[in-house]
Amino acid sequence: MKDIERFITGFRTFQKDYFGPEFSQFEPLKQGQSPKTMIIGCSDSRVDPALLTNCSPGDIFIVRNVANLVPPYEKSSGLHGVSAALEFAVCHLGVEHIIVLGHSQCGGINMLMAGSCGCKGDGFISSWMSIAAPARDKVLAELPGKDAMLQQRAAEQAAILLSLENLHSFPWIDQRVTNGILSLHGWYFDLNAGELLEYQPYSGLFRKIN
C-alpha cells in the first residue's frame, strides 16, 4: 500500500503543477495531441522515455513493450498492439520521427540469450521474444564463445537494428521514409555509464551522443 499512497501523493503534485489555478499546461492538450516523435521503448522500470528525454506531456507518443521490439508487418487476424500504435502515430498523428530506444541490462534480451524465455506452460514472452531471434543468431555467429555480457550488449543493439528493419516492412512507413517526411532512429541507453548512444548508418556503429 505504501507504493499506492506514494503514487497518489505524486498525482496530487502533478495536478498542482499542471492544472494550477492560474495556468494549466494541459489547456492546449485538451483540444488534442500533435506529437512529432514516436518512441518505441522497453517496459523496463528504469528506462522511462519521457524521463530520459526530459519531455513534457504531449511531446512524444510512446509505446513500451518487453525489449522494445517492433514485429514485422503482417495482416493476420491476431491482436497487433505495436502495429496499431504505429499506424495511429504515422497515419493519424503524422509523426516525423520514430525512435527505437533500447538499453543495457535488458531482461528480455537476457532471457532470449539464455534460452529461458517465459513462464512454465503456455506463456507469452517466448513467442514475443522470437521476433528478436535473428538478432541473437547473428550475435552468436559473429561472437562465438565470447563473454556473455559482451554478447548480450551486442544482441541488445542488434535487436534495435532488427526493429528498424521491421519498421520498413510497413508499407506506409517505408513510403514516408522514401519521401523524406519520416525519419527512423536507433538509440541505446547505457544505464551503467548514464550515456545515450545513437546508431550511425554510415559507420554501422552506435556512437555516444555528446
N, C-alpha and C. Protein backbone atom coordinates (compact mmCIF):
# COMPACT_ATOMS: atom_id res chain seq x y z
N MET A 1 0.81 -1.21 0.00
CA MET A 1 0.00 0.00 0.00
C MET A 1 0.85 1.27 0.00
N LYS A 2 2.08 1.15 0.51
CA LYS A 2 2.93 2.34 0.55
C LYS A 2 3.17 2.89 -0.85
N ASP A 3 3.39 1.98 -1.82
CA ASP A 3 3.60 2.43 -3.20
C ASP A 3 2.37 3.17 -3.71
N ILE A 4 1.18 2.61 -3.46
CA ILE A 4 -0.05 3.23 -3.95
C ILE A 4 -0.24 4.61 -3.33
N GLU A 5 0.03 4.71 -2.05
CA GLU A 5 -0.09 6.01 -1.38
C GLU A 5 0.90 7.01 -1.97
N ARG A 6 2.11 6.52 -2.27
CA ARG A 6 3.12 7.40 -2.87
C ARG A 6 2.69 7.86 -4.26
N PHE A 7 2.06 6.97 -5.01
CA PHE A 7 1.59 7.33 -6.34
C PHE A 7 0.49 8.39 -6.26
N ILE A 8 -0.40 8.24 -5.30
CA ILE A 8 -1.49 9.21 -5.15
C ILE A 8 -0.94 10.57 -4.75
N THR A 9 0.04 10.57 -3.85
CA THR A 9 0.69 11.82 -3.47
C THR A 9 1.38 12.45 -4.67
N GLY A 10 2.01 11.60 -5.47
CA GLY A 10 2.66 12.08 -6.68
C GLY A 10 1.67 12.69 -7.65
N PHE A 11 0.50 12.07 -7.78
CA PHE A 11 -0.51 12.63 -8.68
C PHE A 11 -0.97 14.00 -8.21
N ARG A 12 -1.10 14.16 -6.91
CA ARG A 12 -1.52 15.46 -6.38
C ARG A 12 -0.50 16.54 -6.72
N THR A 13 0.79 16.17 -6.66
CA THR A 13 1.83 17.12 -7.05
C THR A 13 1.73 17.45 -8.53
N PHE A 14 1.53 16.40 -9.34
CA PHE A 14 1.35 16.59 -10.79
C PHE A 14 0.15 17.49 -11.07
N GLN A 15 -0.94 17.23 -10.39
CA GLN A 15 -2.16 18.01 -10.58
C GLN A 15 -1.92 19.48 -10.25
N LYS A 16 -1.20 19.74 -9.18
CA LYS A 16 -0.90 21.10 -8.77
C LYS A 16 0.00 21.80 -9.79
N ASP A 17 1.00 21.04 -10.31
CA ASP A 17 1.95 21.62 -11.26
C ASP A 17 1.34 21.88 -12.63
N TYR A 18 0.46 20.99 -13.07
CA TYR A 18 -0.03 21.08 -14.46
C TYR A 18 -1.46 21.59 -14.58
N PHE A 19 -2.21 21.59 -13.49
CA PHE A 19 -3.59 22.08 -13.53
C PHE A 19 -3.80 23.15 -12.46
N GLY A 20 -2.80 24.02 -12.32
CA GLY A 20 -2.88 25.08 -11.32
C GLY A 20 -3.98 26.07 -11.62
N PRO A 21 -4.37 26.87 -10.61
CA PRO A 21 -5.47 27.82 -10.78
C PRO A 21 -5.16 28.96 -11.75
N GLU A 22 -3.89 29.31 -11.87
CA GLU A 22 -3.54 30.45 -12.72
C GLU A 22 -3.33 30.06 -14.18
N PHE A 23 -2.69 28.92 -14.39
CA PHE A 23 -2.41 28.50 -15.78
C PHE A 23 -2.30 26.98 -15.84
N SER A 24 -2.99 26.39 -16.74
CA SER A 24 -2.94 24.95 -16.90
C SER A 24 -2.11 24.61 -18.13
N GLN A 25 -1.01 23.88 -17.89
CA GLN A 25 -0.18 23.45 -19.02
C GLN A 25 -0.93 22.47 -19.91
N PHE A 26 -2.01 21.93 -19.42
CA PHE A 26 -2.79 20.99 -20.20
C PHE A 26 -3.86 21.67 -21.05
N GLU A 27 -3.99 22.98 -20.92
CA GLU A 27 -5.06 23.68 -21.64
C GLU A 27 -5.02 23.39 -23.14
N PRO A 28 -3.86 23.57 -23.81
CA PRO A 28 -3.86 23.27 -25.26
C PRO A 28 -4.02 21.78 -25.56
N LEU A 29 -3.61 20.92 -24.62
CA LEU A 29 -3.71 19.48 -24.84
C LEU A 29 -5.14 18.97 -24.72
N LYS A 30 -5.99 19.77 -24.12
CA LYS A 30 -7.39 19.36 -24.01
C LYS A 30 -8.06 19.30 -25.37
N GLN A 31 -7.48 20.01 -26.34
CA GLN A 31 -8.05 20.04 -27.69
C GLN A 31 -7.52 18.89 -28.56
N GLY A 32 -6.49 18.19 -28.07
CA GLY A 32 -5.93 17.09 -28.85
C GLY A 32 -4.42 17.06 -28.73
N GLN A 33 -3.81 16.05 -29.32
CA GLN A 33 -2.36 15.89 -29.28
C GLN A 33 -1.78 16.01 -30.67
N SER A 34 -0.54 16.48 -30.74
CA SER A 34 0.14 16.60 -32.03
C SER A 34 1.64 16.38 -31.86
N PRO A 35 2.04 15.26 -31.25
CA PRO A 35 3.47 15.00 -31.10
C PRO A 35 4.12 14.76 -32.46
N LYS A 36 5.37 15.15 -32.58
CA LYS A 36 6.10 14.95 -33.83
C LYS A 36 7.01 13.73 -33.78
N THR A 37 7.10 13.12 -32.59
CA THR A 37 8.02 11.99 -32.43
C THR A 37 7.33 10.84 -31.71
N MET A 38 7.60 9.65 -32.18
CA MET A 38 7.15 8.42 -31.51
C MET A 38 8.38 7.69 -30.99
N ILE A 39 8.31 7.20 -29.76
CA ILE A 39 9.38 6.40 -29.20
C ILE A 39 8.86 5.01 -28.88
N ILE A 40 9.56 4.00 -29.35
CA ILE A 40 9.26 2.62 -29.00
C ILE A 40 10.29 2.19 -27.98
N GLY A 41 9.87 2.09 -26.73
CA GLY A 41 10.78 1.81 -25.64
C GLY A 41 10.49 0.50 -24.95
N CYS A 42 11.33 0.16 -24.00
CA CYS A 42 11.19 -1.07 -23.24
C CYS A 42 10.31 -0.83 -22.02
N SER A 43 9.64 -1.88 -21.56
CA SER A 43 8.80 -1.80 -20.37
C SER A 43 9.62 -1.70 -19.09
N ASP A 44 10.91 -1.88 -19.19
CA ASP A 44 11.80 -1.85 -18.02
C ASP A 44 11.54 -0.58 -17.19
N SER A 45 11.37 -0.77 -15.87
CA SER A 45 11.02 0.35 -14.99
C SER A 45 12.11 1.41 -14.88
N ARG A 46 13.34 1.06 -15.31
CA ARG A 46 14.45 2.00 -15.20
C ARG A 46 14.61 2.90 -16.42
N VAL A 47 13.84 2.62 -17.47
CA VAL A 47 14.08 3.29 -18.76
C VAL A 47 12.79 3.95 -19.25
N ASP A 48 12.45 5.07 -18.63
CA ASP A 48 11.26 5.81 -18.99
C ASP A 48 11.63 6.82 -20.09
N PRO A 49 11.10 6.67 -21.31
CA PRO A 49 11.48 7.57 -22.41
C PRO A 49 11.25 9.04 -22.10
N ALA A 50 10.13 9.36 -21.48
CA ALA A 50 9.84 10.76 -21.17
C ALA A 50 10.82 11.32 -20.15
N LEU A 51 11.18 10.50 -19.17
CA LEU A 51 12.14 10.94 -18.15
C LEU A 51 13.52 11.11 -18.75
N LEU A 52 13.94 10.15 -19.60
CA LEU A 52 15.27 10.21 -20.21
C LEU A 52 15.44 11.41 -21.13
N THR A 53 14.36 11.81 -21.77
CA THR A 53 14.44 12.92 -22.73
C THR A 53 13.93 14.24 -22.16
N ASN A 54 13.55 14.22 -20.89
CA ASN A 54 13.08 15.42 -20.20
C ASN A 54 11.92 16.07 -20.96
N CYS A 55 10.98 15.23 -21.39
CA CYS A 55 9.85 15.73 -22.17
C CYS A 55 8.64 16.01 -21.28
N SER A 56 7.77 16.87 -21.78
CA SER A 56 6.53 17.22 -21.10
C SER A 56 5.37 16.46 -21.75
N PRO A 57 4.22 16.41 -21.07
CA PRO A 57 3.05 15.77 -21.69
C PRO A 57 2.76 16.37 -23.06
N GLY A 58 2.47 15.51 -24.00
CA GLY A 58 2.16 15.96 -25.36
C GLY A 58 3.34 15.99 -26.30
N ASP A 59 4.56 15.81 -25.76
CA ASP A 59 5.76 15.92 -26.61
C ASP A 59 6.04 14.66 -27.43
N ILE A 60 5.80 13.50 -26.84
CA ILE A 60 6.14 12.25 -27.54
C ILE A 60 5.02 11.23 -27.40
N PHE A 61 4.84 10.46 -28.45
CA PHE A 61 3.89 9.35 -28.46
C PHE A 61 4.69 8.09 -28.16
N ILE A 62 4.35 7.39 -27.08
CA ILE A 62 5.20 6.31 -26.58
C ILE A 62 4.49 4.96 -26.63
N VAL A 63 5.22 3.96 -27.08
CA VAL A 63 4.79 2.57 -26.98
C VAL A 63 5.90 1.81 -26.27
N ARG A 64 5.55 1.06 -25.23
CA ARG A 64 6.56 0.30 -24.48
C ARG A 64 6.15 -1.17 -24.46
N ASN A 65 7.14 -2.02 -24.65
CA ASN A 65 6.92 -3.46 -24.59
C ASN A 65 8.21 -4.15 -24.14
N VAL A 66 8.15 -5.44 -23.92
CA VAL A 66 9.33 -6.18 -23.50
C VAL A 66 10.38 -6.11 -24.61
N ALA A 67 11.54 -5.54 -24.28
CA ALA A 67 12.71 -5.46 -25.17
C ALA A 67 12.54 -4.49 -26.33
N ASN A 68 11.58 -3.56 -26.22
CA ASN A 68 11.40 -2.51 -27.24
C ASN A 68 11.43 -3.04 -28.67
N LEU A 69 10.63 -4.07 -28.92
CA LEU A 69 10.65 -4.73 -30.24
C LEU A 69 9.55 -4.21 -31.16
N VAL A 70 9.85 -4.23 -32.45
CA VAL A 70 8.86 -3.95 -33.48
C VAL A 70 8.68 -5.23 -34.29
N PRO A 71 7.49 -5.79 -34.32
CA PRO A 71 7.27 -7.00 -35.13
C PRO A 71 7.23 -6.65 -36.60
N PRO A 72 7.48 -7.60 -37.48
CA PRO A 72 7.34 -7.31 -38.91
C PRO A 72 5.88 -7.10 -39.28
N TYR A 73 5.66 -6.40 -40.36
CA TYR A 73 4.31 -6.13 -40.84
C TYR A 73 3.63 -7.43 -41.26
N GLU A 74 2.42 -7.61 -40.79
CA GLU A 74 1.61 -8.75 -41.23
C GLU A 74 0.14 -8.41 -41.05
N LYS A 75 -0.71 -9.10 -41.78
CA LYS A 75 -2.14 -8.80 -41.75
C LYS A 75 -2.93 -10.03 -41.32
N SER A 76 -2.44 -10.71 -40.29
CA SER A 76 -3.15 -11.86 -39.77
C SER A 76 -4.29 -11.39 -38.87
N SER A 77 -5.05 -12.34 -38.35
CA SER A 77 -6.21 -11.99 -37.52
C SER A 77 -5.83 -11.79 -36.06
N GLY A 78 -4.55 -11.82 -35.74
CA GLY A 78 -4.12 -11.65 -34.36
C GLY A 78 -4.31 -10.23 -33.86
N LEU A 79 -3.98 -10.04 -32.59
CA LEU A 79 -4.08 -8.71 -31.97
C LEU A 79 -2.70 -8.05 -32.05
N HIS A 80 -2.62 -6.94 -32.77
CA HIS A 80 -1.33 -6.32 -33.07
C HIS A 80 -1.22 -4.96 -32.38
N GLY A 81 -0.86 -4.95 -31.12
CA GLY A 81 -0.82 -3.71 -30.35
C GLY A 81 0.23 -2.73 -30.85
N VAL A 82 1.45 -3.20 -31.09
CA VAL A 82 2.51 -2.31 -31.56
C VAL A 82 2.20 -1.80 -32.96
N SER A 83 1.72 -2.67 -33.81
CA SER A 83 1.40 -2.28 -35.19
C SER A 83 0.27 -1.26 -35.21
N ALA A 84 -0.73 -1.44 -34.34
CA ALA A 84 -1.83 -0.48 -34.27
C ALA A 84 -1.32 0.88 -33.80
N ALA A 85 -0.41 0.88 -32.83
CA ALA A 85 0.16 2.14 -32.35
C ALA A 85 0.96 2.83 -33.43
N LEU A 86 1.71 2.05 -34.21
CA LEU A 86 2.47 2.61 -35.32
C LEU A 86 1.53 3.25 -36.34
N GLU A 87 0.47 2.56 -36.67
CA GLU A 87 -0.49 3.08 -37.64
C GLU A 87 -1.11 4.39 -37.14
N PHE A 88 -1.45 4.42 -35.86
CA PHE A 88 -2.06 5.63 -35.30
C PHE A 88 -1.07 6.79 -35.34
N ALA A 89 0.17 6.52 -34.92
CA ALA A 89 1.17 7.58 -34.86
C ALA A 89 1.52 8.11 -36.24
N VAL A 90 1.69 7.21 -37.19
CA VAL A 90 2.15 7.61 -38.53
C VAL A 90 1.00 8.13 -39.40
N CYS A 91 -0.09 7.38 -39.46
CA CYS A 91 -1.16 7.71 -40.40
C CYS A 91 -2.15 8.74 -39.87
N HIS A 92 -2.29 8.83 -38.55
CA HIS A 92 -3.27 9.75 -37.98
C HIS A 92 -2.63 10.97 -37.31
N LEU A 93 -1.54 10.75 -36.58
CA LEU A 93 -0.86 11.88 -35.94
C LEU A 93 0.18 12.52 -36.85
N GLY A 94 0.68 11.76 -37.82
CA GLY A 94 1.66 12.30 -38.76
C GLY A 94 3.01 12.58 -38.12
N VAL A 95 3.48 11.68 -37.25
CA VAL A 95 4.78 11.91 -36.62
C VAL A 95 5.87 11.97 -37.68
N GLU A 96 6.93 12.70 -37.36
CA GLU A 96 8.03 12.90 -38.30
C GLU A 96 9.26 12.07 -37.94
N HIS A 97 9.28 11.53 -36.72
CA HIS A 97 10.40 10.71 -36.27
C HIS A 97 9.88 9.50 -35.48
N ILE A 98 10.51 8.36 -35.70
CA ILE A 98 10.28 7.18 -34.87
C ILE A 98 11.62 6.75 -34.30
N ILE A 99 11.70 6.67 -32.99
CA ILE A 99 12.93 6.27 -32.31
C ILE A 99 12.71 4.92 -31.65
N VAL A 100 13.57 3.96 -31.96
CA VAL A 100 13.58 2.69 -31.24
C VAL A 100 14.63 2.84 -30.14
N LEU A 101 14.19 2.83 -28.89
CA LEU A 101 15.06 3.09 -27.75
C LEU A 101 15.32 1.81 -26.97
N GLY A 102 16.51 1.24 -27.16
CA GLY A 102 16.92 0.07 -26.40
C GLY A 102 17.80 0.46 -25.23
N HIS A 103 18.24 -0.52 -24.47
CA HIS A 103 19.05 -0.20 -23.29
C HIS A 103 19.87 -1.40 -22.84
N SER A 104 20.86 -1.13 -22.00
CA SER A 104 21.68 -2.20 -21.44
C SER A 104 20.92 -2.92 -20.34
N GLN A 105 21.38 -4.12 -20.00
CA GLN A 105 20.76 -4.94 -18.96
C GLN A 105 19.29 -5.24 -19.24
N CYS A 106 18.95 -5.42 -20.49
CA CYS A 106 17.56 -5.70 -20.87
C CYS A 106 17.19 -7.13 -20.47
N GLY A 107 16.16 -7.26 -19.63
CA GLY A 107 15.76 -8.58 -19.16
C GLY A 107 15.26 -9.48 -20.26
N GLY A 108 14.53 -8.92 -21.22
CA GLY A 108 14.02 -9.72 -22.32
C GLY A 108 15.13 -10.30 -23.18
N ILE A 109 16.11 -9.48 -23.50
CA ILE A 109 17.24 -9.96 -24.29
C ILE A 109 18.07 -10.96 -23.49
N ASN A 110 18.19 -10.73 -22.19
CA ASN A 110 18.91 -11.67 -21.34
C ASN A 110 18.27 -13.05 -21.39
N MET A 111 16.95 -13.11 -21.28
CA MET A 111 16.24 -14.39 -21.35
C MET A 111 16.38 -15.02 -22.73
N LEU A 112 16.34 -14.18 -23.77
CA LEU A 112 16.50 -14.69 -25.14
C LEU A 112 17.85 -15.35 -25.31
N MET A 113 18.91 -14.68 -24.84
CA MET A 113 20.25 -15.22 -24.98
C MET A 113 20.46 -16.48 -24.14
N ALA A 114 19.77 -16.54 -22.99
CA ALA A 114 19.91 -17.70 -22.10
C ALA A 114 18.99 -18.84 -22.49
N GLY A 115 18.06 -18.56 -23.42
CA GLY A 115 17.13 -19.60 -23.84
C GLY A 115 16.12 -19.96 -22.77
N SER A 116 15.76 -18.97 -21.93
CA SER A 116 14.85 -19.26 -20.82
C SER A 116 13.67 -18.30 -20.80
N CYS A 117 13.11 -18.01 -21.95
CA CYS A 117 12.01 -17.05 -22.02
C CYS A 117 10.72 -17.63 -21.46
N GLY A 118 9.99 -16.81 -20.76
CA GLY A 118 8.62 -17.15 -20.39
C GLY A 118 8.46 -17.99 -19.15
N CYS A 119 7.21 -18.15 -18.76
CA CYS A 119 6.85 -18.98 -17.61
C CYS A 119 6.71 -20.43 -18.05
N LYS A 120 6.62 -21.30 -17.09
CA LYS A 120 6.37 -22.70 -17.41
C LYS A 120 4.95 -22.82 -17.95
N GLY A 121 4.77 -23.69 -18.91
CA GLY A 121 3.46 -23.83 -19.52
C GLY A 121 3.30 -22.89 -20.69
N ASP A 122 2.07 -22.48 -20.94
CA ASP A 122 1.78 -21.61 -22.08
C ASP A 122 1.98 -20.16 -21.69
N GLY A 123 3.15 -19.62 -22.02
CA GLY A 123 3.44 -18.22 -21.73
C GLY A 123 3.45 -17.40 -23.00
N PHE A 124 3.68 -16.10 -22.82
CA PHE A 124 3.66 -15.18 -23.95
C PHE A 124 5.05 -14.66 -24.32
N ILE A 125 5.97 -14.65 -23.36
CA ILE A 125 7.26 -13.99 -23.59
C ILE A 125 8.07 -14.69 -24.67
N SER A 126 8.08 -16.02 -24.65
CA SER A 126 8.88 -16.76 -25.62
C SER A 126 8.46 -16.43 -27.05
N SER A 127 7.15 -16.41 -27.28
CA SER A 127 6.64 -16.08 -28.62
C SER A 127 6.99 -14.66 -29.00
N TRP A 128 6.85 -13.74 -28.05
CA TRP A 128 7.17 -12.34 -28.33
C TRP A 128 8.64 -12.16 -28.64
N MET A 129 9.51 -12.77 -27.82
CA MET A 129 10.94 -12.59 -28.00
C MET A 129 11.48 -13.29 -29.25
N SER A 130 10.67 -14.16 -29.83
CA SER A 130 11.10 -14.81 -31.08
C SER A 130 11.29 -13.77 -32.19
N ILE A 131 10.69 -12.60 -32.04
CA ILE A 131 10.90 -11.52 -33.00
C ILE A 131 12.38 -11.19 -33.11
N ALA A 132 13.08 -11.25 -31.96
CA ALA A 132 14.50 -10.88 -31.91
C ALA A 132 15.43 -12.06 -32.13
N ALA A 133 14.90 -13.23 -32.44
CA ALA A 133 15.75 -14.41 -32.65
C ALA A 133 16.82 -14.19 -33.72
N PRO A 134 16.50 -13.51 -34.84
CA PRO A 134 17.56 -13.27 -35.83
C PRO A 134 18.72 -12.45 -35.28
N ALA A 135 18.43 -11.52 -34.37
CA ALA A 135 19.49 -10.71 -33.76
C ALA A 135 20.37 -11.59 -32.88
N ARG A 136 19.75 -12.46 -32.10
CA ARG A 136 20.52 -13.40 -31.27
C ARG A 136 21.40 -14.29 -32.12
N ASP A 137 20.83 -14.86 -33.18
CA ASP A 137 21.58 -15.78 -34.03
C ASP A 137 22.76 -15.09 -34.69
N LYS A 138 22.56 -13.84 -35.08
CA LYS A 138 23.63 -13.07 -35.72
C LYS A 138 24.78 -12.85 -34.74
N VAL A 139 24.45 -12.50 -33.51
CA VAL A 139 25.48 -12.25 -32.50
C VAL A 139 26.24 -13.53 -32.16
N LEU A 140 25.53 -14.61 -32.00
CA LEU A 140 26.19 -15.88 -31.66
C LEU A 140 27.09 -16.35 -32.79
N ALA A 141 26.71 -16.03 -34.03
CA ALA A 141 27.54 -16.42 -35.17
C ALA A 141 28.78 -15.54 -35.29
N GLU A 142 28.64 -14.25 -34.93
CA GLU A 142 29.75 -13.32 -35.08
C GLU A 142 30.66 -13.26 -33.85
N LEU A 143 30.09 -13.63 -32.69
CA LEU A 143 30.86 -13.57 -31.44
C LEU A 143 30.80 -14.90 -30.69
N PRO A 144 31.18 -15.98 -31.36
CA PRO A 144 31.09 -17.29 -30.70
C PRO A 144 32.08 -17.41 -29.55
N GLY A 145 31.59 -17.93 -28.43
CA GLY A 145 32.46 -18.17 -27.29
C GLY A 145 32.89 -16.93 -26.53
N LYS A 146 32.35 -15.76 -26.89
CA LYS A 146 32.72 -14.53 -26.20
C LYS A 146 31.98 -14.41 -24.87
N ASP A 147 32.43 -13.45 -24.05
CA ASP A 147 31.82 -13.20 -22.76
C ASP A 147 30.32 -12.95 -22.92
N ALA A 148 29.52 -13.50 -22.00
CA ALA A 148 28.07 -13.41 -22.09
C ALA A 148 27.57 -11.97 -22.05
N MET A 149 28.23 -11.13 -21.26
CA MET A 149 27.82 -9.73 -21.18
C MET A 149 28.09 -9.00 -22.49
N LEU A 150 29.20 -9.33 -23.14
CA LEU A 150 29.51 -8.74 -24.44
C LEU A 150 28.48 -9.18 -25.47
N GLN A 151 28.13 -10.46 -25.45
CA GLN A 151 27.13 -10.96 -26.38
C GLN A 151 25.78 -10.30 -26.14
N GLN A 152 25.41 -10.12 -24.87
CA GLN A 152 24.11 -9.51 -24.59
C GLN A 152 24.06 -8.07 -25.09
N ARG A 153 25.11 -7.31 -24.83
CA ARG A 153 25.13 -5.92 -25.30
C ARG A 153 25.01 -5.87 -26.82
N ALA A 154 25.73 -6.76 -27.48
CA ALA A 154 25.67 -6.82 -28.95
C ALA A 154 24.26 -7.20 -29.41
N ALA A 155 23.62 -8.11 -28.68
CA ALA A 155 22.26 -8.53 -29.04
C ALA A 155 21.26 -7.42 -28.79
N GLU A 156 21.44 -6.65 -27.72
CA GLU A 156 20.55 -5.52 -27.43
C GLU A 156 20.60 -4.51 -28.57
N GLN A 157 21.78 -4.26 -29.07
CA GLN A 157 21.92 -3.30 -30.16
C GLN A 157 21.46 -3.90 -31.49
N ALA A 158 21.72 -5.18 -31.69
CA ALA A 158 21.28 -5.84 -32.91
C ALA A 158 19.76 -5.89 -32.98
N ALA A 159 19.11 -6.03 -31.83
CA ALA A 159 17.65 -6.05 -31.80
C ALA A 159 17.07 -4.70 -32.19
N ILE A 160 17.75 -3.63 -31.84
CA ILE A 160 17.31 -2.29 -32.26
C ILE A 160 17.35 -2.19 -33.78
N LEU A 161 18.44 -2.67 -34.36
CA LEU A 161 18.58 -2.61 -35.82
C LEU A 161 17.54 -3.49 -36.51
N LEU A 162 17.24 -4.64 -35.89
CA LEU A 162 16.22 -5.52 -36.45
C LEU A 162 14.85 -4.83 -36.41
N SER A 163 14.56 -4.11 -35.33
CA SER A 163 13.29 -3.40 -35.24
C SER A 163 13.21 -2.27 -36.28
N LEU A 164 14.34 -1.60 -36.50
CA LEU A 164 14.36 -0.58 -37.56
C LEU A 164 14.09 -1.20 -38.92
N GLU A 165 14.67 -2.37 -39.14
CA GLU A 165 14.43 -3.09 -40.40
C GLU A 165 12.96 -3.48 -40.52
N ASN A 166 12.38 -3.94 -39.42
CA ASN A 166 10.96 -4.33 -39.44
C ASN A 166 10.05 -3.13 -39.68
N LEU A 167 10.46 -1.95 -39.23
CA LEU A 167 9.66 -0.76 -39.50
C LEU A 167 9.51 -0.52 -41.00
N HIS A 168 10.55 -0.83 -41.74
CA HIS A 168 10.49 -0.65 -43.19
C HIS A 168 9.53 -1.64 -43.86
N SER A 169 9.16 -2.70 -43.16
CA SER A 169 8.23 -3.67 -43.75
C SER A 169 6.79 -3.15 -43.76
N PHE A 170 6.52 -2.08 -42.99
CA PHE A 170 5.20 -1.46 -43.03
C PHE A 170 5.16 -0.52 -44.23
N PRO A 171 4.31 -0.78 -45.22
CA PRO A 171 4.35 -0.01 -46.47
C PRO A 171 4.18 1.50 -46.27
N TRP A 172 3.30 1.90 -45.35
CA TRP A 172 3.06 3.32 -45.14
C TRP A 172 4.16 3.99 -44.34
N ILE A 173 5.01 3.22 -43.70
CA ILE A 173 6.21 3.78 -43.07
C ILE A 173 7.32 3.88 -44.11
N ASP A 174 7.55 2.81 -44.84
CA ASP A 174 8.62 2.79 -45.83
C ASP A 174 8.41 3.89 -46.88
N GLN A 175 7.15 4.11 -47.29
CA GLN A 175 6.87 5.13 -48.30
C GLN A 175 7.18 6.52 -47.77
N ARG A 176 6.85 6.77 -46.52
CA ARG A 176 7.12 8.08 -45.94
C ARG A 176 8.61 8.31 -45.74
N VAL A 177 9.33 7.24 -45.39
CA VAL A 177 10.79 7.37 -45.27
C VAL A 177 11.40 7.69 -46.63
N THR A 178 10.94 6.99 -47.65
CA THR A 178 11.43 7.22 -49.01
C THR A 178 11.15 8.64 -49.47
N ASN A 179 9.99 9.17 -49.07
CA ASN A 179 9.61 10.52 -49.47
C ASN A 179 10.25 11.60 -48.61
N GLY A 180 10.99 11.20 -47.60
CA GLY A 180 11.70 12.16 -46.76
C GLY A 180 10.85 12.87 -45.72
N ILE A 181 9.66 12.34 -45.42
CA ILE A 181 8.80 13.00 -44.43
C ILE A 181 8.78 12.26 -43.10
N LEU A 182 9.50 11.16 -43.03
CA LEU A 182 9.60 10.39 -41.79
C LEU A 182 11.02 9.87 -41.64
N SER A 183 11.59 10.03 -40.45
CA SER A 183 12.94 9.55 -40.18
C SER A 183 12.92 8.50 -39.08
N LEU A 184 13.77 7.49 -39.21
CA LEU A 184 13.86 6.42 -38.23
C LEU A 184 15.20 6.51 -37.50
N HIS A 185 15.20 6.28 -36.20
CA HIS A 185 16.40 6.42 -35.39
C HIS A 185 16.54 5.23 -34.44
N GLY A 186 17.77 4.81 -34.22
CA GLY A 186 18.06 3.76 -33.25
C GLY A 186 18.89 4.32 -32.11
N TRP A 187 18.36 4.30 -30.90
CA TRP A 187 19.07 4.79 -29.72
C TRP A 187 19.29 3.67 -28.72
N TYR A 188 20.39 3.79 -27.97
CA TYR A 188 20.73 2.78 -26.96
C TYR A 188 21.17 3.49 -25.69
N PHE A 189 20.44 3.25 -24.60
CA PHE A 189 20.76 3.87 -23.33
C PHE A 189 21.62 2.92 -22.49
N ASP A 190 22.84 3.34 -22.21
CA ASP A 190 23.74 2.57 -21.35
C ASP A 190 23.49 3.04 -19.92
N LEU A 191 22.72 2.25 -19.17
CA LEU A 191 22.35 2.71 -17.84
C LEU A 191 23.48 2.56 -16.83
N ASN A 192 24.53 1.81 -17.19
CA ASN A 192 25.71 1.73 -16.32
C ASN A 192 26.51 3.03 -16.39
N ALA A 193 26.72 3.50 -17.60
CA ALA A 193 27.52 4.71 -17.82
C ALA A 193 26.68 5.98 -17.82
N GLY A 194 25.34 5.84 -17.89
CA GLY A 194 24.49 7.02 -17.98
C GLY A 194 24.68 7.75 -19.29
N GLU A 195 24.88 6.99 -20.37
CA GLU A 195 25.13 7.58 -21.68
C GLU A 195 24.09 7.13 -22.70
N LEU A 196 23.83 7.98 -23.67
CA LEU A 196 22.92 7.66 -24.75
C LEU A 196 23.71 7.53 -26.05
N LEU A 197 23.53 6.41 -26.73
CA LEU A 197 24.23 6.16 -27.99
C LEU A 197 23.22 6.17 -29.14
N GLU A 198 23.68 6.61 -30.28
CA GLU A 198 22.84 6.66 -31.47
C GLU A 198 23.47 5.84 -32.58
N TYR A 199 22.64 5.07 -33.28
CA TYR A 199 23.15 4.28 -34.41
C TYR A 199 23.44 5.19 -35.59
N GLN A 200 24.64 5.06 -36.13
CA GLN A 200 25.05 5.84 -37.28
C GLN A 200 25.20 4.92 -38.49
N PRO A 201 24.26 4.98 -39.42
CA PRO A 201 24.27 4.06 -40.57
C PRO A 201 25.55 4.09 -41.39
N TYR A 202 26.17 5.26 -41.52
CA TYR A 202 27.36 5.35 -42.36
C TYR A 202 28.55 4.59 -41.78
N SER A 203 28.58 4.44 -40.45
CA SER A 203 29.68 3.69 -39.82
C SER A 203 29.24 2.31 -39.37
N GLY A 204 27.94 2.10 -39.28
CA GLY A 204 27.43 0.82 -38.81
C GLY A 204 27.64 0.61 -37.32
N LEU A 205 27.83 1.71 -36.56
CA LEU A 205 28.14 1.62 -35.13
C LEU A 205 27.21 2.52 -34.32
N PHE A 206 27.09 2.19 -33.04
CA PHE A 206 26.40 3.07 -32.10
C PHE A 206 27.44 4.00 -31.49
N ARG A 207 27.22 5.28 -31.59
CA ARG A 207 28.14 6.28 -31.09
C ARG A 207 27.48 7.10 -29.99
N LYS A 208 28.25 7.49 -28.99
CA LYS A 208 27.74 8.28 -27.87
C LYS A 208 27.30 9.65 -28.36
N ILE A 209 26.12 10.07 -27.90
CA ILE A 209 25.63 11.40 -28.18
C ILE A 209 26.19 12.36 -27.13
N ASN A 210 26.96 13.34 -27.55
CA ASN A 210 27.57 14.28 -26.62
C ASN A 210 26.66 15.49 -26.38
